[in-house]
Amino acid sequence: MGVGHAAVALGASRASPRLNAGWLVFGAFLADFLLGIFATVGLEQAHVPADFASRHYLTFTFPYSHGLVPLLLWGGLFGYIVSRAQRLDQRRAFLVLAAVVVSHFLLDGLVHIAGLPLAGENSPKLGLALWDHMPLELSIETLMAGAGAVLYVIAAGAGAPRASRWGIPVFMTLLTGLTWTQLFMTTPPVPAQLAVNWMAAPLVFGVVVYTLDRKRARGALGEPRRQGIR
């Protein structure tokens, strides 16, 4: 899944409004970032199906980055580090950050074929294979992207900086378009480039959203703690 991860991150920003949404977006893609690292050192792999031209997707061996139990641990570590570094709403920020990281397993479980391990490579693997119905899957992600952007804008409020009110929807629109390109891929990606992309994309997405959300988050820091953003 692509833009759907960012959609969940933006929707979750309401639960911890004093936290910059860029951290949540990076957390939502943390599993892919880790996949790039583990693939680089040879611990995880991507596999190209013989019928890639009609499938439009890869299969994976990724027990350390995408397994449920590992993601619970990665989510806890990420949530602890970021919430401690930010020094705000630490318990709330920790829970939201950790939940967003773990949500990657749930969302990928909808689209991947049965290959997402619960614990290790030899543990049971899950996957509902919505990628076998690519137009439907991409349509669902598009709806998620719209919902995530709308929830973020509503939560930010009419008085939010323009970078937040307009920049985030534009970012989600561009990311949605990028996600749809998967449907038209007939040539497998270059293996050497995959790991670089997996590491670079989460960083780029996180930095872009962090920049767009910076003024709003700063404003929230100066206000009393509350349940949601005005």
Protein backbone atom coordinates (compact mmCIF):
# COMPACT_ATOMS: atom_id res chain seq x y z
CA MET A 1 0.00 0.00 0.00
CA GLY A 2 1.18 3.52 -0.75
CA VAL A 3 -0.82 6.67 -0.07
CA GLY A 4 -3.07 4.74 2.31
CA HIS A 5 -0.28 4.74 4.90
CA ALA A 6 0.01 8.52 4.71
CA ALA A 7 -3.77 8.80 5.01
CA VAL A 8 -3.77 6.88 8.29
CA ALA A 9 -0.93 9.05 9.59
CA LEU A 10 -2.79 12.28 8.82
CA GLY A 11 -5.97 10.96 10.38
CA ALA A 12 -4.02 10.00 13.50
CA SER A 13 -2.61 13.51 13.86
CA ARG A 14 -5.85 14.56 15.54
CA ALA A 15 -5.08 12.24 18.44
CA SER A 16 -1.82 14.06 19.18
CA PRO A 17 -2.22 17.58 17.79
CA ARG A 18 0.94 18.96 19.39
CA LEU A 19 3.05 16.45 17.45
CA ASN A 20 4.19 17.41 13.96
CA ALA A 21 2.43 15.17 11.43
CA GLY A 22 5.71 14.61 9.61
CA TRP A 23 6.76 12.22 12.38
CA LEU A 24 3.53 10.28 11.92
CA VAL A 25 3.96 10.03 8.16
CA PHE A 26 7.52 8.78 8.53
CA GLY A 27 6.33 6.32 11.17
CA ALA A 28 3.62 5.04 8.85
CA PHE A 29 6.33 4.19 6.30
CA LEU A 30 8.94 3.05 8.84
CA ALA A 31 8.50 -0.59 7.81
CA ASP A 32 9.48 0.28 4.23
CA PHE A 33 12.46 2.30 5.45
CA LEU A 34 13.61 -0.71 7.47
CA LEU A 35 13.01 -2.97 4.47
CA GLY A 36 15.49 -0.86 2.52
CA ILE A 37 18.09 -1.24 5.26
CA PHE A 38 17.60 -4.99 5.67
CA ALA A 39 17.57 -5.53 1.90
CA THR A 40 20.85 -3.63 1.61
CA VAL A 41 22.55 -5.97 4.07
CA GLY A 42 20.95 -9.06 2.51
CA LEU A 43 18.54 -10.00 5.30
CA GLU A 44 15.37 -9.34 3.29
CA GLN A 45 14.54 -9.64 -0.39
CA ALA A 46 12.05 -8.65 -3.06
CA HIS A 47 11.05 -11.22 -5.67
CA VAL A 48 9.81 -10.56 -9.20
CA PRO A 49 6.95 -12.89 -10.24
CA ALA A 50 7.22 -14.37 -13.72
CA ASP A 51 3.92 -12.69 -14.61
CA PHE A 52 4.86 -9.26 -13.23
CA ALA A 53 3.59 -7.54 -16.39
CA SER A 54 0.04 -8.59 -15.52
CA ARG A 55 0.34 -8.61 -11.72
CA HIS A 56 2.10 -5.24 -11.36
CA TYR A 57 3.50 -6.13 -7.93
CA LEU A 58 6.44 -7.82 -6.24
CA THR A 59 6.51 -10.45 -3.53
CA PHE A 60 8.76 -10.23 -0.50
CA THR A 61 10.70 -12.02 2.18
CA PHE A 62 10.66 -9.44 4.98
CA PRO A 63 10.25 -10.94 8.46
CA TYR A 64 12.25 -8.26 10.28
CA SER A 65 10.66 -5.14 8.82
CA HIS A 66 7.08 -6.23 8.14
CA GLY A 67 6.33 -8.97 10.66
CA LEU A 68 3.68 -8.16 13.26
CA VAL A 69 5.80 -8.85 16.34
CA PRO A 70 8.84 -6.98 14.96
CA LEU A 71 6.63 -4.01 14.07
CA LEU A 72 5.27 -3.94 17.61
CA LEU A 73 8.86 -3.66 18.80
CA TRP A 74 9.86 -1.12 16.14
CA GLY A 75 6.74 0.90 16.89
CA GLY A 76 7.49 0.96 20.59
CA LEU A 77 11.09 2.02 19.96
CA PHE A 78 10.13 4.71 17.45
CA GLY A 79 7.35 6.01 19.67
CA TYR A 80 9.65 6.15 22.69
CA ILE A 81 12.48 7.96 20.89
CA VAL A 82 10.32 10.57 19.17
CA SER A 83 8.00 11.23 22.11
CA ARG A 84 10.98 11.66 24.45
CA ALA A 85 12.79 13.92 22.00
CA GLN A 86 9.73 16.10 21.46
CA ARG A 87 9.00 16.40 25.19
CA LEU A 88 5.29 16.91 24.72
CA ASP A 89 2.29 14.77 25.62
CA GLN A 90 4.78 11.93 25.94
CA ARG A 91 2.35 9.13 26.73
CA ARG A 92 -0.17 10.22 24.10
CA ALA A 93 2.51 10.83 21.47
CA PHE A 94 4.12 7.46 22.23
CA LEU A 95 0.85 5.58 21.78
CA VAL A 96 -0.09 7.38 18.56
CA LEU A 97 3.36 6.97 17.02
CA ALA A 98 3.55 3.29 17.93
CA ALA A 99 0.04 2.64 16.60
CA VAL A 100 0.83 4.31 13.29
CA VAL A 101 3.93 2.14 12.85
CA VAL A 102 1.97 -1.05 13.57
CA SER A 103 -0.83 0.05 11.23
CA HIS A 104 1.55 -0.67 8.36
CA PHE A 105 1.09 -4.40 9.01
CA LEU A 106 -2.69 -4.11 8.98
CA LEU A 107 -2.85 -2.08 5.78
CA ASP A 108 -0.28 -4.17 3.93
CA GLY A 109 -2.16 -7.24 5.09
CA LEU A 110 -5.09 -6.08 3.00
CA VAL A 111 -3.13 -5.77 -0.24
CA HIS A 112 -0.25 -8.26 -0.17
CA ILE A 113 -0.65 -11.91 -0.98
CA ALA A 114 -0.20 -14.17 2.06
CA GLY A 115 3.36 -13.21 2.93
CA LEU A 116 3.25 -10.97 5.99
CA PRO A 117 4.64 -13.04 8.88
CA LEU A 118 3.24 -12.79 12.38
CA ALA A 119 6.64 -13.25 14.02
CA GLY A 120 9.46 -14.72 11.92
CA GLU A 121 9.87 -16.15 8.44
CA ASN A 122 8.61 -19.57 9.55
CA SER A 123 5.55 -18.21 11.37
CA PRO A 124 2.05 -18.06 9.82
CA LYS A 125 1.74 -15.45 7.07
CA LEU A 126 -1.24 -13.23 6.29
CA GLY A 127 -2.45 -11.33 3.26
CA LEU A 128 -5.82 -10.74 1.60
CA ALA A 129 -4.29 -10.10 -1.84
CA LEU A 130 -6.25 -7.03 -2.86
CA TRP A 131 -3.36 -6.38 -5.22
CA ASP A 132 -4.88 -9.11 -7.38
CA HIS A 133 -7.69 -6.60 -7.93
CA MET A 134 -5.46 -3.59 -8.49
CA PRO A 135 -8.04 -1.03 -9.72
CA LEU A 136 -10.25 -1.76 -6.69
CA GLU A 137 -7.31 -1.57 -4.30
CA LEU A 138 -6.10 1.72 -5.74
CA SER A 139 -9.61 3.15 -5.60
CA ILE A 140 -9.80 2.27 -1.91
CA GLU A 141 -6.47 3.98 -1.31
CA THR A 142 -7.71 7.05 -3.15
CA LEU A 143 -10.74 7.25 -0.88
CA MET A 144 -8.47 6.83 2.13
CA ALA A 145 -6.24 9.64 0.88
CA GLY A 146 -9.19 11.97 0.52
CA ALA A 147 -10.51 11.05 3.95
CA GLY A 148 -7.11 11.51 5.58
CA ALA A 149 -6.62 14.94 4.00
CA VAL A 150 -10.12 16.06 4.95
CA LEU A 151 -9.74 14.91 8.55
CA TYR A 152 -6.43 16.72 8.82
CA VAL A 153 -7.78 19.97 7.36
CA ILE A 154 -10.91 19.90 9.53
CA ALA A 155 -8.83 19.22 12.63
CA ALA A 156 -6.35 21.96 11.76
CA GLY A 157 -9.19 24.47 11.49
CA ALA A 158 -9.88 27.48 9.32
CA GLY A 159 -7.20 29.49 11.07
CA ALA A 160 -4.41 27.04 10.25
CA PRO A 161 -1.51 28.25 8.09
CA ARG A 162 -2.00 27.92 4.34
CA ALA A 163 0.88 25.45 4.15
CA SER A 164 -1.23 23.10 6.24
CA ARG A 165 -4.67 23.79 4.74
CA TRP A 166 -3.54 23.68 1.12
CA GLY A 167 -0.13 22.05 1.12
CA ILE A 168 -1.20 18.79 2.75
CA PRO A 169 -4.10 18.16 0.28
CA VAL A 170 -1.76 18.91 -2.64
CA PHE A 171 0.83 16.51 -1.23
CA MET A 172 -1.79 13.79 -0.85
CA THR A 173 -3.01 14.37 -4.40
CA LEU A 174 0.50 13.98 -5.78
CA LEU A 175 1.15 10.89 -3.66
CA THR A 176 -2.14 9.39 -4.86
CA GLY A 177 -1.07 9.91 -8.46
CA LEU A 178 2.27 8.27 -7.71
CA THR A 179 0.50 5.30 -6.13
CA TRP A 180 -1.66 4.82 -9.24
CA THR A 181 1.43 4.44 -11.44
CA GLN A 182 1.75 0.91 -10.06
CA LEU A 183 -1.21 -0.13 -12.21
CA PHE A 184 0.72 0.70 -15.38
CA MET A 185 4.03 -0.92 -14.49
CA THR A 186 4.88 -3.76 -16.85
CA THR A 187 8.67 -3.75 -16.46
CA PRO A 188 10.05 -4.87 -13.09
CA PRO A 189 12.01 -2.24 -11.15
CA VAL A 190 15.79 -2.47 -11.07
CA PRO A 191 16.69 -4.51 -7.95
CA ALA A 192 19.67 -2.31 -7.08
CA GLN A 193 17.42 0.74 -6.98
CA LEU A 194 14.69 -0.76 -4.81
CA ALA A 195 16.51 -0.51 -1.49
CA VAL A 196 17.44 3.11 -2.18
CA ASN A 197 13.82 3.94 -2.98
CA TRP A 198 12.53 2.19 0.13
CA MET A 199 14.85 4.22 2.32
CA ALA A 200 14.50 7.53 0.48
CA ALA A 201 10.71 7.69 0.04
CA PRO A 202 9.76 7.61 3.76
CA LEU A 203 12.36 10.28 4.49
CA VAL A 204 11.13 12.52 1.67
CA PHE A 205 7.46 12.07 2.61
CA GLY A 206 8.19 12.73 6.27
CA VAL A 207 10.26 15.85 5.58
CA VAL A 208 7.68 17.30 3.19
CA VAL A 209 4.82 16.85 5.66
CA TYR A 210 6.98 18.03 8.56
CA THR A 211 7.71 21.24 6.65
CA LEU A 212 4.07 21.79 5.69
CA ASP A 213 2.85 21.11 9.24
CA ARG A 214 5.57 23.04 11.04
CA LYS A 215 3.72 26.31 11.68
CA ARG A 216 0.52 24.55 12.73
CA ALA A 217 2.38 22.30 15.15
CA ARG A 218 4.25 25.27 16.61
CA GLY A 219 0.95 27.03 17.19
CA ALA A 220 -0.44 23.96 18.93
CA LEU A 221 2.59 23.87 21.20
CA GLY A 222 1.71 27.31 22.50
CA GLU A 223 -1.83 26.34 23.43
CA PRO A 224 -3.17 24.31 26.37
CA ARG A 225 -3.27 20.56 25.96
CA ARG A 226 -6.51 19.38 24.41
CA GLN A 227 -8.09 16.41 22.76
CA GLY A 228 -8.19 17.74 19.23
CA ILE A 229 -7.12 20.64 17.04
CA ARG A 230 -9.50 23.54 16.62
